[in-house]
N, C-alpha and C. Protein backbone atom coordinates (compact mmCIF):
# COMPACT_ATOMS: atom_id res chain seq x y z
N MET A 1 159.14 110.33 126.87
CA MET A 1 158.48 109.11 126.67
C MET A 1 157.25 109.02 125.65
N SER A 2 157.35 107.95 125.00
CA SER A 2 156.39 107.83 123.97
C SER A 2 155.14 107.32 124.36
N ALA A 3 154.07 107.71 123.61
CA ALA A 3 152.77 106.87 124.07
C ALA A 3 152.75 105.47 123.55
N PRO A 4 152.23 104.55 124.15
CA PRO A 4 152.00 103.25 123.84
C PRO A 4 151.17 103.16 122.42
N TYR A 5 151.52 102.17 121.51
CA TYR A 5 150.65 102.17 120.42
C TYR A 5 149.51 101.29 120.78
N PRO A 6 148.50 101.48 119.90
CA PRO A 6 147.24 100.84 120.28
C PRO A 6 147.64 99.51 119.66
N PRO A 7 146.75 98.46 120.23
CA PRO A 7 146.63 97.24 119.78
C PRO A 7 146.31 96.76 118.35
N PRO A 8 146.80 96.08 117.71
CA PRO A 8 146.49 95.58 116.44
C PRO A 8 144.86 95.19 116.25
N PRO A 9 144.24 95.58 115.09
CA PRO A 9 142.83 94.96 115.16
C PRO A 9 142.56 93.42 115.05
N ALA A 10 141.58 92.89 115.86
CA ALA A 10 141.62 91.80 115.89
C ALA A 10 141.20 90.96 114.31
N ALA A 11 141.68 89.80 114.24
CA ALA A 11 141.69 89.14 113.19
C ALA A 11 140.12 88.80 112.91
N PRO A 12 139.50 88.70 111.79
CA PRO A 12 138.01 88.57 111.74
C PRO A 12 137.82 87.04 111.89
N SER A 13 136.73 86.58 112.66
CA SER A 13 136.72 85.29 113.19
C SER A 13 135.88 84.55 112.14
N ASN A 14 136.08 83.27 112.10
CA ASN A 14 135.22 82.45 111.07
C ASN A 14 133.80 82.12 111.53
N ASP A 15 132.89 83.09 111.04
CA ASP A 15 131.57 83.06 111.45
C ASP A 15 130.81 81.91 110.60
N ARG A 16 130.81 80.81 110.97
CA ARG A 16 130.15 79.67 110.21
C ARG A 16 128.74 79.60 110.34
N THR A 17 128.30 80.45 111.46
CA THR A 17 126.79 80.19 111.56
C THR A 17 125.97 81.34 110.53
N THR A 18 126.66 82.22 110.11
CA THR A 18 126.35 83.06 109.07
C THR A 18 126.32 82.39 107.82
N LEU A 19 127.69 81.77 107.30
CA LEU A 19 127.79 81.18 106.34
C LEU A 19 126.90 80.14 105.98
N PHE A 20 126.71 79.23 106.86
CA PHE A 20 125.71 78.19 106.91
C PHE A 20 124.17 78.57 106.58
N GLY A 21 124.15 79.58 107.29
CA GLY A 21 122.73 80.12 107.21
C GLY A 21 122.64 80.87 105.70
N VAL A 22 123.31 81.61 105.27
CA VAL A 22 123.02 82.15 103.83
C VAL A 22 123.10 81.05 102.84
N LEU A 23 123.99 80.23 102.87
CA LEU A 23 123.89 79.10 102.10
C LEU A 23 122.75 78.37 102.19
N GLY A 24 122.24 78.00 103.28
CA GLY A 24 120.89 77.51 103.32
C GLY A 24 119.93 78.15 102.69
N ILE A 25 119.71 79.28 102.82
CA ILE A 25 118.79 80.10 102.14
C ILE A 25 119.04 80.08 100.88
N VAL A 26 120.18 80.27 100.27
CA VAL A 26 120.31 80.45 98.72
C VAL A 26 120.04 79.03 98.14
N ILE A 27 120.64 78.11 98.53
CA ILE A 27 120.35 76.83 97.95
C ILE A 27 119.04 76.26 98.02
N GLY A 28 118.48 76.51 99.47
CA GLY A 28 117.11 75.85 99.64
C GLY A 28 116.03 76.60 98.68
N LEU A 29 116.34 77.85 98.31
CA LEU A 29 115.48 78.50 97.28
C LEU A 29 115.55 78.16 95.89
N ILE A 30 116.70 78.31 95.33
CA ILE A 30 117.19 78.28 94.18
C ILE A 30 117.22 76.72 93.36
N CYS A 31 118.07 75.93 94.30
CA CYS A 31 118.20 74.56 93.43
C CYS A 31 117.82 73.28 94.24
N CYS A 32 118.31 73.15 95.62
CA CYS A 32 118.25 72.09 96.00
C CYS A 32 117.92 71.90 97.35
N TRP A 33 116.74 71.83 97.80
CA TRP A 33 116.26 71.78 99.21
C TRP A 33 116.75 70.90 100.20
N PRO A 34 117.16 69.73 99.92
CA PRO A 34 117.59 68.92 100.78
C PRO A 34 119.01 69.32 101.26
N VAL A 35 119.68 69.79 100.59
CA VAL A 35 121.26 70.58 100.65
C VAL A 35 121.04 71.63 101.75
N GLY A 36 119.83 72.56 101.13
CA GLY A 36 119.43 73.66 102.00
C GLY A 36 119.14 73.37 103.52
N LEU A 37 118.45 72.22 103.60
CA LEU A 37 118.18 71.75 105.01
C LEU A 37 119.40 71.36 105.76
N LEU A 38 120.38 70.77 104.94
CA LEU A 38 121.56 70.50 105.93
C LEU A 38 122.19 71.54 106.25
N PHE A 39 122.44 72.62 105.49
CA PHE A 39 122.99 73.97 105.78
C PHE A 39 122.08 74.67 106.78
N ALA A 40 120.95 74.51 106.90
CA ALA A 40 120.11 75.04 107.92
C ALA A 40 120.27 74.46 109.33
N PHE A 41 120.20 73.30 109.25
CA PHE A 41 120.71 72.61 110.48
C PHE A 41 121.92 72.81 110.95
N LEU A 42 122.95 73.04 110.15
CA LEU A 42 124.33 73.18 110.37
C LEU A 42 124.45 74.43 111.26
N SER A 43 123.63 75.59 110.31
CA SER A 43 123.69 76.82 111.06
C SER A 43 122.95 77.04 112.37
N TYR A 44 121.76 76.11 112.71
CA TYR A 44 121.24 76.23 113.91
C TYR A 44 122.09 75.55 114.83
N ARG A 45 122.80 74.61 114.62
CA ARG A 45 123.89 73.72 115.59
C ARG A 45 124.88 74.65 115.91
N GLU A 46 125.44 75.45 115.10
CA GLU A 46 126.79 76.45 115.33
C GLU A 46 126.06 77.52 116.20
N ALA A 47 124.95 78.08 115.84
CA ALA A 47 124.36 79.02 116.68
C ALA A 47 124.14 78.70 118.10
N LYS A 48 123.77 77.68 118.31
CA LYS A 48 123.43 77.20 119.57
C LYS A 48 124.75 76.96 120.39
N LYS A 49 125.84 76.31 119.40
CA LYS A 49 127.06 76.11 120.42
C LYS A 49 127.98 77.36 120.47
N SER A 50 127.73 78.51 119.70
CA SER A 50 128.55 79.79 120.00
C SER A 50 127.71 80.76 120.82
N GLY A 51 126.32 80.45 120.72
CA GLY A 51 125.57 81.24 121.96
C GLY A 51 124.87 82.42 120.98
N LYS A 52 124.94 82.31 119.79
CA LYS A 52 124.41 83.47 119.00
C LYS A 52 122.62 83.03 118.37
N GLN A 53 122.19 84.01 118.02
CA GLN A 53 120.68 83.61 117.71
C GLN A 53 120.59 83.00 116.44
N PRO A 54 119.66 81.93 116.15
CA PRO A 54 119.75 81.23 115.34
C PRO A 54 118.47 81.75 114.10
N THR A 55 118.64 83.00 113.92
CA THR A 55 117.66 83.68 113.00
C THR A 55 117.67 83.15 111.58
N LEU A 56 119.01 83.14 110.99
CA LEU A 56 119.32 82.90 109.69
C LEU A 56 118.95 81.41 109.50
N ALA A 57 119.14 80.50 110.59
CA ALA A 57 118.83 79.15 110.44
C ALA A 57 117.44 78.86 110.33
N TYR A 58 116.49 79.79 111.17
CA TYR A 58 115.06 79.63 110.88
C TYR A 58 114.48 80.02 109.55
N ILE A 59 115.24 81.22 108.89
CA ILE A 59 114.96 81.64 107.68
C ILE A 59 115.25 80.74 106.63
N ALA A 60 116.33 79.98 106.74
CA ALA A 60 116.57 78.99 106.00
C ALA A 60 115.64 77.69 106.01
N PHE A 61 115.38 77.43 107.07
CA PHE A 61 114.31 76.44 107.21
C PHE A 61 113.16 76.86 106.53
N ALA A 62 112.85 78.06 106.61
CA ALA A 62 111.23 78.37 106.03
C ALA A 62 111.65 78.59 104.35
N ALA A 63 113.02 79.04 104.07
CA ALA A 63 113.44 78.97 102.62
C ALA A 63 113.22 77.77 101.93
N CYS A 64 113.77 76.72 102.60
CA CYS A 64 113.60 75.13 102.22
C CYS A 64 112.13 74.85 101.96
N ALA A 65 111.37 75.10 103.11
CA ALA A 65 109.80 74.75 102.95
C ALA A 65 109.33 75.39 101.73
N ILE A 66 109.44 76.66 101.34
CA ILE A 66 109.14 77.52 100.17
C ILE A 66 109.53 76.63 99.00
N GLY A 67 110.91 76.25 98.94
CA GLY A 67 111.30 75.29 97.90
C GLY A 67 110.91 74.27 97.73
N ILE A 68 110.43 73.21 98.84
CA ILE A 68 109.51 72.22 98.60
C ILE A 68 108.36 72.24 97.99
N ILE A 69 107.67 73.39 98.51
CA ILE A 69 106.33 73.74 98.02
C ILE A 69 106.33 74.27 96.56
N TRP A 70 107.50 74.82 96.20
CA TRP A 70 107.68 75.30 94.80
C TRP A 70 107.85 74.23 93.65
N ASN A 71 108.63 73.09 94.34
CA ASN A 71 108.88 71.94 93.64
C ASN A 71 107.65 70.92 93.46
N ILE A 72 107.04 70.99 94.38
CA ILE A 72 105.78 70.26 94.32
C ILE A 72 104.88 70.94 93.19
N PHE A 73 104.70 72.14 93.51
CA PHE A 73 103.83 72.76 92.42
C PHE A 73 104.29 72.80 91.18
N TYR A 74 105.55 72.86 90.99
CA TYR A 74 106.05 72.69 89.60
C TYR A 74 105.90 71.30 89.03
N ALA A 75 106.15 70.36 89.69
CA ALA A 75 106.06 68.87 89.43
C ALA A 75 104.61 68.49 88.80
N THR A 76 103.47 69.20 89.86
CA THR A 76 102.39 68.67 89.43
C THR A 76 101.82 69.72 88.27
N ARG A 77 102.39 70.62 87.61
CA ARG A 77 101.92 71.40 86.51
C ARG A 77 102.11 70.64 85.22
N ARG A 78 103.27 69.76 85.23
CA ARG A 78 103.68 69.01 83.99
C ARG A 78 102.85 68.05 83.52
């Protein structure tokens, strides 16, 4: 008798929580904080729906706040 083969590895799941969180951080800091807020909210919602920790969403919200402060500071210096 031959030994049974091990099951194939599981396919990677779509982790939209991480994707939205990272996009929120990058976009919130670099270019457009309203879009970053949108991605932060989407990350938060996906984390709550899937039962994960919303840490990246919180970081994305903070990154957008930094982006807002940076834009206000930059706009008043001109």
